[in-house]
Amino acid sequence: MEKIPKQQMILISKGDTKIGAYNSMIIVKSGDQFIHELKNGEGMLYEVAEDLINPLRLIDTLSSEQVKKHK
C-alpha cells in the first residue's frame, strides 16, 4: 500500500458540535486494504468490498508491533 502524505486537518461537525477531525483522505477501490491505527498503537486491517451495505471487511486485528512493520 502506498504511503499517503499527511494533509491539513479537516474538521467534521454537525451544527455547533465538533464530531471529530481527520488528517487525510484517500480514494480506494474494491480489493484495496488499509490499516486503521488506534491511539494506543494497535490497529485493524480492513479490505474494501464491493458491497454498498457493508463496504468494509475486517481481516485482522494487529498489535502495535505489526502496525509499525507496515509504516
PDB file of N, CA and C in Angstrom:
ATOM      1  N   MET A   1       0.836  -1.170   0.000  1.00  0.00           N
ATOM      2  CA  MET A   1       0.000   0.000   0.000  1.00  0.00           C
ATOM      3  C   MET A   1       0.887   1.241   0.000  1.00  0.00           C
ATOM      4  N   GLU A   2       0.521   2.208  -0.797  1.00  0.00           N
ATOM      5  CA  GLU A   2       1.280   3.450  -0.922  1.00  0.00           C
ATOM      6  C   GLU A   2       1.069   4.323   0.313  1.00  0.00           C
ATOM      7  N   LYS A   3       2.155   4.918   0.814  1.00  0.00           N
ATOM      8  CA  LYS A   3       2.063   5.795   1.987  1.00  0.00           C
ATOM      9  C   LYS A   3       1.480   7.139   1.550  1.00  0.00           C
ATOM     10  N   ILE A   4       0.483   7.610   2.265  1.00  0.00           N
ATOM     11  CA  ILE A   4      -0.205   8.854   1.935  1.00  0.00           C
ATOM     12  C   ILE A   4       0.360   9.984   2.794  1.00  0.00           C
ATOM     13  N   PRO A   5       0.786  11.116   2.179  1.00  0.00           N
ATOM     14  CA  PRO A   5       1.298  12.229   2.980  1.00  0.00           C
ATOM     15  C   PRO A   5       0.180  12.856   3.806  1.00  0.00           C
ATOM     16  N   LYS A   6       0.545  13.351   5.002  1.00  0.00           N
ATOM     17  CA  LYS A   6      -0.457  13.989   5.853  1.00  0.00           C
ATOM     18  C   LYS A   6      -0.897  15.298   5.216  1.00  0.00           C
ATOM     19  N   GLN A   7      -2.185  15.541   5.256  1.00  0.00           N
ATOM     20  CA  GLN A   7      -2.743  16.767   4.722  1.00  0.00           C
ATOM     21  C   GLN A   7      -3.237  17.613   5.885  1.00  0.00           C
ATOM     22  N   GLN A   8      -3.707  18.817   5.593  1.00  0.00           N
ATOM     23  CA  GLN A   8      -4.164  19.676   6.674  1.00  0.00           C
ATOM     24  C   GLN A   8      -5.397  19.081   7.349  1.00  0.00           C
ATOM     25  N   MET A   9      -5.567  19.402   8.625  1.00  0.00           N
ATOM     26  CA  MET A   9      -6.693  18.882   9.389  1.00  0.00           C
ATOM     27  C   MET A   9      -8.006  19.393   8.811  1.00  0.00           C
ATOM     28  N   ILE A  10      -8.979  18.539   8.746  1.00  0.00           N
ATOM     29  CA  ILE A  10     -10.305  18.905   8.266  1.00  0.00           C
ATOM     30  C   ILE A  10     -11.282  18.627   9.401  1.00  0.00           C
ATOM     31  N   LEU A  11     -12.050  19.618   9.780  1.00  0.00           N
ATOM     32  CA  LEU A  11     -12.991  19.490  10.883  1.00  0.00           C
ATOM     33  C   LEU A  11     -14.289  18.877  10.382  1.00  0.00           C
ATOM     34  N   ILE A  12     -14.780  17.884  11.115  1.00  0.00           N
ATOM     35  CA  ILE A  12     -16.076  17.286  10.812  1.00  0.00           C
ATOM     36  C   ILE A  12     -17.025  17.754  11.900  1.00  0.00           C
ATOM     37  N   SER A  13     -18.097  18.426  11.520  1.00  0.00           N
ATOM     38  CA  SER A  13     -19.006  18.938  12.539  1.00  0.00           C
ATOM     39  C   SER A  13     -20.454  18.768  12.109  1.00  0.00           C
ATOM     40  N   LYS A  14     -21.323  18.814  13.095  1.00  0.00           N
ATOM     41  CA  LYS A  14     -22.762  18.762  12.864  1.00  0.00           C
ATOM     42  C   LYS A  14     -23.346  19.908  13.670  1.00  0.00           C
ATOM     43  N   GLY A  15     -23.759  20.953  12.984  1.00  0.00           N
ATOM     44  CA  GLY A  15     -24.222  22.147  13.680  1.00  0.00           C
ATOM     45  C   GLY A  15     -23.062  22.787  14.412  1.00  0.00           C
ATOM     46  N   ASP A  16     -23.237  23.066  15.697  1.00  0.00           N
ATOM     47  CA  ASP A  16     -22.181  23.666  16.510  1.00  0.00           C
ATOM     48  C   ASP A  16     -21.346  22.624  17.241  1.00  0.00           C
ATOM     49  N   THR A  17     -21.644  21.336  17.051  1.00  0.00           N
ATOM     50  CA  THR A  17     -20.958  20.271  17.780  1.00  0.00           C
ATOM     51  C   THR A  17     -19.833  19.685  16.943  1.00  0.00           C
ATOM     52  N   LYS A  18     -18.629  19.706  17.505  1.00  0.00           N
ATOM     53  CA  LYS A  18     -17.482  19.109  16.821  1.00  0.00           C
ATOM     54  C   LYS A  18     -17.577  17.591  16.957  1.00  0.00           C
ATOM     55  N   ILE A  19     -17.599  16.869  15.851  1.00  0.00           N
ATOM     56  CA  ILE A  19     -17.681  15.409  15.867  1.00  0.00           C
ATOM     57  C   ILE A  19     -16.286  14.801  15.847  1.00  0.00           C
ATOM     58  N   GLY A  20     -15.376  15.372  15.096  1.00  0.00           N
ATOM     59  CA  GLY A  20     -14.032  14.827  15.020  1.00  0.00           C
ATOM     60  C   GLY A  20     -13.261  15.493  13.904  1.00  0.00           C
ATOM     61  N   ALA A  21     -12.090  14.971  13.612  1.00  0.00           N
ATOM     62  CA  ALA A  21     -11.259  15.512  12.548  1.00  0.00           C
ATOM     63  C   ALA A  21     -10.426  14.390  11.980  1.00  0.00           C
ATOM     64  N   TYR A  22      -9.955  14.570  10.759  1.00  0.00           N
ATOM     65  CA  TYR A  22      -9.070  13.576  10.173  1.00  0.00           C
ATOM     66  C   TYR A  22      -7.928  14.264   9.450  1.00  0.00           C
ATOM     67  N   ASN A  23      -6.806  13.558   9.312  1.00  0.00           N
ATOM     68  CA  ASN A  23      -5.608  14.147   8.728  1.00  0.00           C
ATOM     69  C   ASN A  23      -5.542  13.993   7.225  1.00  0.00           C
ATOM     70  N   SER A  24      -6.136  12.952   6.687  1.00  0.00           N
ATOM     71  CA  SER A  24      -6.026  12.749   5.252  1.00  0.00           C
ATOM     72  C   SER A  24      -7.225  11.987   4.735  1.00  0.00           C
ATOM     73  N   MET A  25      -7.426  12.091   3.449  1.00  0.00           N
ATOM     74  CA  MET A  25      -8.496  11.365   2.801  1.00  0.00           C
ATOM     75  C   MET A  25      -7.877  10.633   1.621  1.00  0.00           C
ATOM     76  N   ILE A  26      -8.256   9.385   1.443  1.00  0.00           N
ATOM     77  CA  ILE A  26      -7.763   8.618   0.312  1.00  0.00           C
ATOM     78  C   ILE A  26      -8.948   8.063  -0.458  1.00  0.00           C
ATOM     79  N   ILE A  27      -8.747   7.838  -1.724  1.00  0.00           N
ATOM     80  CA  ILE A  27      -9.765   7.208  -2.557  1.00  0.00           C
ATOM     81  C   ILE A  27      -9.321   5.780  -2.787  1.00  0.00           C
ATOM     82  N   VAL A  28     -10.200   4.838  -2.462  1.00  0.00           N
ATOM     83  CA  VAL A  28      -9.861   3.419  -2.555  1.00  0.00           C
ATOM     84  C   VAL A  28     -10.800   2.720  -3.528  1.00  0.00           C
ATOM     85  N   LYS A  29     -10.376   1.557  -3.968  1.00  0.00           N
ATOM     86  CA  LYS A  29     -11.181   0.731  -4.867  1.00  0.00           C
ATOM     87  C   LYS A  29     -11.427  -0.607  -4.199  1.00  0.00           C
ATOM     88  N   SER A  30     -12.406  -1.333  -4.676  1.00  0.00           N
ATOM     89  CA  SER A  30     -12.690  -2.665  -4.144  1.00  0.00           C
ATOM     90  C   SER A  30     -11.431  -3.515  -4.201  1.00  0.00           C
ATOM     91  N   GLY A  31     -11.168  -4.224  -3.113  1.00  0.00           N
ATOM     92  CA  GLY A  31      -9.980  -5.070  -3.024  1.00  0.00           C
ATOM     93  C   GLY A  31      -8.809  -4.402  -2.333  1.00  0.00           C
ATOM     94  N   ASP A  32      -8.820  -3.057  -2.228  1.00  0.00           N
ATOM     95  CA  ASP A  32      -7.749  -2.354  -1.518  1.00  0.00           C
ATOM     96  C   ASP A  32      -7.829  -2.676  -0.031  1.00  0.00           C
ATOM     97  N   GLN A  33      -6.688  -2.637   0.630  1.00  0.00           N
ATOM     98  CA  GLN A  33      -6.623  -2.877   2.066  1.00  0.00           C
ATOM     99  C   GLN A  33      -6.011  -1.659   2.748  1.00  0.00           C
ATOM    100  N   PHE A  34      -6.432  -1.426   3.993  1.00  0.00           N
ATOM    101  CA  PHE A  34      -5.842  -0.344   4.772  1.00  0.00           C
ATOM    102  C   PHE A  34      -5.865  -0.710   6.245  1.00  0.00           C
ATOM    103  N   ILE A  35      -5.031  -0.006   7.018  1.00  0.00           N
ATOM    104  CA  ILE A  35      -4.952  -0.221   8.462  1.00  0.00           C
ATOM    105  C   ILE A  35      -5.493   1.011   9.170  1.00  0.00           C
ATOM    106  N   HIS A  36      -6.407   0.795  10.093  1.00  0.00           N
ATOM    107  CA  HIS A  36      -6.920   1.851  10.957  1.00  0.00           C
ATOM    108  C   HIS A  36      -6.110   1.770  12.244  1.00  0.00           C
ATOM    109  N   GLU A  37      -5.233   2.759  12.465  1.00  0.00           N
ATOM    110  CA  GLU A  37      -4.381   2.762  13.651  1.00  0.00           C
ATOM    111  C   GLU A  37      -5.093   3.474  14.792  1.00  0.00           C
ATOM    112  N   LEU A  38      -5.162   2.806  15.943  1.00  0.00           N
ATOM    113  CA  LEU A  38      -5.802   3.362  17.128  1.00  0.00           C
ATOM    114  C   LEU A  38      -4.804   4.199  17.930  1.00  0.00           C
ATOM    115  N   LYS A  39      -5.295   4.987  18.875  1.00  0.00           N
ATOM    116  CA  LYS A  39      -4.432   5.852  19.685  1.00  0.00           C
ATOM    117  C   LYS A  39      -3.385   5.066  20.465  1.00  0.00           C
ATOM    118  N   ASN A  40      -3.696   3.825  20.851  1.00  0.00           N
ATOM    119  CA  ASN A  40      -2.750   3.019  21.629  1.00  0.00           C
ATOM    120  C   ASN A  40      -1.714   2.313  20.750  1.00  0.00           C
ATOM    121  N   GLY A  41      -1.750   2.555  19.427  1.00  0.00           N
ATOM    122  CA  GLY A  41      -0.761   1.975  18.521  1.00  0.00           C
ATOM    123  C   GLY A  41      -1.198   0.683  17.863  1.00  0.00           C
ATOM    124  N   GLU A  42      -2.226   0.037  18.416  1.00  0.00           N
ATOM    125  CA  GLU A  42      -2.745  -1.175  17.791  1.00  0.00           C
ATOM    126  C   GLU A  42      -3.573  -0.785  16.572  1.00  0.00           C
ATOM    127  N   GLY A  43      -3.954  -1.765  15.756  1.00  0.00           N
ATOM    128  CA  GLY A  43      -4.698  -1.425  14.565  1.00  0.00           C
ATOM    129  C   GLY A  43      -5.603  -2.539  14.086  1.00  0.00           C
ATOM    130  N   MET A  44      -6.379  -2.208  13.069  1.00  0.00           N
ATOM    131  CA  MET A  44      -7.280  -3.163  12.440  1.00  0.00           C
ATOM    132  C   MET A  44      -7.052  -3.108  10.936  1.00  0.00           C
ATOM    133  N   LEU A  45      -6.863  -4.264  10.317  1.00  0.00           N
ATOM    134  CA  LEU A  45      -6.651  -4.363   8.876  1.00  0.00           C
ATOM    135  C   LEU A  45      -7.992  -4.612   8.211  1.00  0.00           C
ATOM    136  N   TYR A  46      -8.378  -3.727   7.291  1.00  0.00           N
ATOM    137  CA  TYR A  46      -9.649  -3.828   6.578  1.00  0.00           C
ATOM    138  C   TYR A  46      -9.406  -4.027   5.088  1.00  0.00           C
ATOM    139  N   GLU A  47     -10.393  -4.616   4.425  1.00  0.00           N
ATOM    140  CA  GLU A  47     -10.397  -4.712   2.967  1.00  0.00           C
ATOM    141  C   GLU A  47     -11.686  -4.065   2.477  1.00  0.00           C
ATOM    142  N   VAL A  48     -11.594  -3.295   1.400  1.00  0.00           N
ATOM    143  CA  VAL A  48     -12.755  -2.639   0.821  1.00  0.00           C
ATOM    144  C   VAL A  48     -13.484  -3.658  -0.052  1.00  0.00           C
ATOM    145  N   ALA A  49     -14.780  -3.838   0.223  1.00  0.00           N
ATOM    146  CA  ALA A  49     -15.591  -4.811  -0.509  1.00  0.00           C
ATOM    147  C   ALA A  49     -16.523  -4.090  -1.478  1.00  0.00           C
ATOM    148  N   GLU A  50     -16.990  -4.796  -2.456  1.00  0.00           N
ATOM    149  CA  GLU A  50     -17.918  -4.240  -3.440  1.00  0.00           C
ATOM    150  C   GLU A  50     -19.352  -4.483  -2.936  1.00  0.00           C
ATOM    151  N   ASP A  51     -19.652  -3.920  -1.764  1.00  0.00           N
ATOM    152  CA  ASP A  51     -20.935  -4.132  -1.101  1.00  0.00           C
ATOM    153  C   ASP A  51     -21.386  -2.790  -0.534  1.00  0.00           C
ATOM    154  N   LEU A  52     -22.515  -2.290  -0.989  1.00  0.00           N
ATOM    155  CA  LEU A  52     -22.979  -0.978  -0.534  1.00  0.00           C
ATOM    156  C   LEU A  52     -23.465  -0.985   0.911  1.00  0.00           C
ATOM    157  N   ILE A  53     -23.898  -2.127   1.422  1.00  0.00           N
ATOM    158  CA  ILE A  53     -24.381  -2.217   2.797  1.00  0.00           C
ATOM    159  C   ILE A  53     -23.213  -2.350   3.774  1.00  0.00           C
ATOM    160  N   ASN A  54     -22.268  -3.236   3.485  1.00  0.00           N
ATOM    161  CA  ASN A  54     -21.087  -3.463   4.332  1.00  0.00           C
ATOM    162  C   ASN A  54     -19.827  -3.303   3.479  1.00  0.00           C
ATOM    163  N   PRO A  55     -19.399  -2.064   3.232  1.00  0.00           N
ATOM    164  CA  PRO A  55     -18.274  -1.852   2.311  1.00  0.00           C
ATOM    165  C   PRO A  55     -16.897  -2.202   2.867  1.00  0.00           C
ATOM    166  N   LEU A  56     -16.793  -2.435   4.181  1.00  0.00           N
ATOM    167  CA  LEU A  56     -15.502  -2.788   4.776  1.00  0.00           C
ATOM    168  C   LEU A  56     -15.579  -4.173   5.396  1.00  0.00           C
ATOM    169  N   ARG A  57     -14.534  -4.950   5.170  1.00  0.00           N
ATOM    170  CA  ARG A  57     -14.452  -6.289   5.760  1.00  0.00           C
ATOM    171  C   ARG A  57     -13.229  -6.317   6.659  1.00  0.00           C
ATOM    172  N   LEU A  58     -13.432  -6.606   7.954  1.00  0.00           N
ATOM    173  CA  LEU A  58     -12.323  -6.706   8.898  1.00  0.00           C
ATOM    174  C   LEU A  58     -11.556  -7.985   8.608  1.00  0.00           C
ATOM    175  N   ILE A  59     -10.267  -7.854   8.321  1.00  0.00           N
ATOM    176  CA  ILE A  59      -9.437  -9.010   8.014  1.00  0.00           C
ATOM    177  C   ILE A  59      -8.721  -9.498   9.257  1.00  0.00           C
ATOM    178  N   ASP A  60      -8.140  -8.565  10.035  1.00  0.00           N
ATOM    179  CA  ASP A  60      -7.343  -8.977  11.188  1.00  0.00           C
ATOM    180  C   ASP A  60      -7.170  -7.802  12.143  1.00  0.00           C
ATOM    181  N   THR A  61      -6.941  -8.106  13.411  1.00  0.00           N
ATOM    182  CA  THR A  61      -6.526  -7.089  14.373  1.00  0.00           C
ATOM    183  C   THR A  61      -5.011  -7.193  14.501  1.00  0.00           C
ATOM    184  N   LEU A  62      -4.353  -6.048  14.677  1.00  0.00           N
ATOM    185  CA  LEU A  62      -2.895  -6.004  14.666  1.00  0.00           C
ATOM    186  C   LEU A  62      -2.356  -5.421  15.966  1.00  0.00           C
ATOM    187  N   SER A  63      -1.253  -5.976  16.442  1.00  0.00           N
ATOM    188  CA  SER A  63      -0.563  -5.407  17.600  1.00  0.00           C
ATOM    189  C   SER A  63       0.178  -4.152  17.145  1.00  0.00           C
ATOM    190  N   SER A  64       0.658  -3.367  18.093  1.00  0.00           N
ATOM    191  CA  SER A  64       1.394  -2.149  17.729  1.00  0.00           C
ATOM    192  C   SER A  64       2.665  -2.488  16.954  1.00  0.00           C
ATOM    193  N   GLU A  65       3.295  -3.618  17.258  1.00  0.00           N
ATOM    194  CA  GLU A  65       4.494  -4.043  16.525  1.00  0.00           C
ATOM    195  C   GLU A  65       4.153  -4.371  15.071  1.00  0.00           C
ATOM    196  N   GLN A  66       3.020  -5.025  14.850  1.00  0.00           N
ATOM    197  CA  GLN A  66       2.602  -5.357  13.488  1.00  0.00           C
ATOM    198  C   GLN A  66       2.270  -4.100  12.694  1.00  0.00           C
ATOM    199  N   VAL A  67       1.655  -3.111  13.354  1.00  0.00           N
ATOM    200  CA  VAL A  67       1.331  -1.853  12.683  1.00  0.00           C
ATOM    201  C   VAL A  67       2.617  -1.147  12.271  1.00  0.00           C
ATOM    202  N   LYS A  68       3.627  -1.123  13.157  1.00  0.00           N
ATOM    203  CA  LYS A  68       4.903  -0.464  12.854  1.00  0.00           C
ATOM    204  C   LYS A  68       5.574  -1.080  11.635  1.00  0.00           C
ATOM    205  N   LYS A  69       5.419  -2.386  11.423  1.00  0.00           N
ATOM    206  CA  LYS A  69       6.023  -3.059  10.266  1.00  0.00           C
ATOM    207  C   LYS A  69       5.451  -2.546   8.950  1.00  0.00           C
ATOM    208  N   HIS A  70       4.194  -2.072   8.968  1.00  0.00           N
ATOM    209  CA  HIS A  70       3.536  -1.597   7.751  1.00  0.00           C
ATOM    210  C   HIS A  70       3.828  -0.132   7.453  1.00  0.00           C
ATOM    211  N   LYS A  71       4.416   0.585   8.407  1.00  0.00           N
ATOM    212  CA  LYS A  71       4.684   2.020   8.199  1.00  0.00           C
ATOM    213  C   LYS A  71       5.876   2.217   7.303  1.00  0.00           C
TER     214      LYS A  71
END
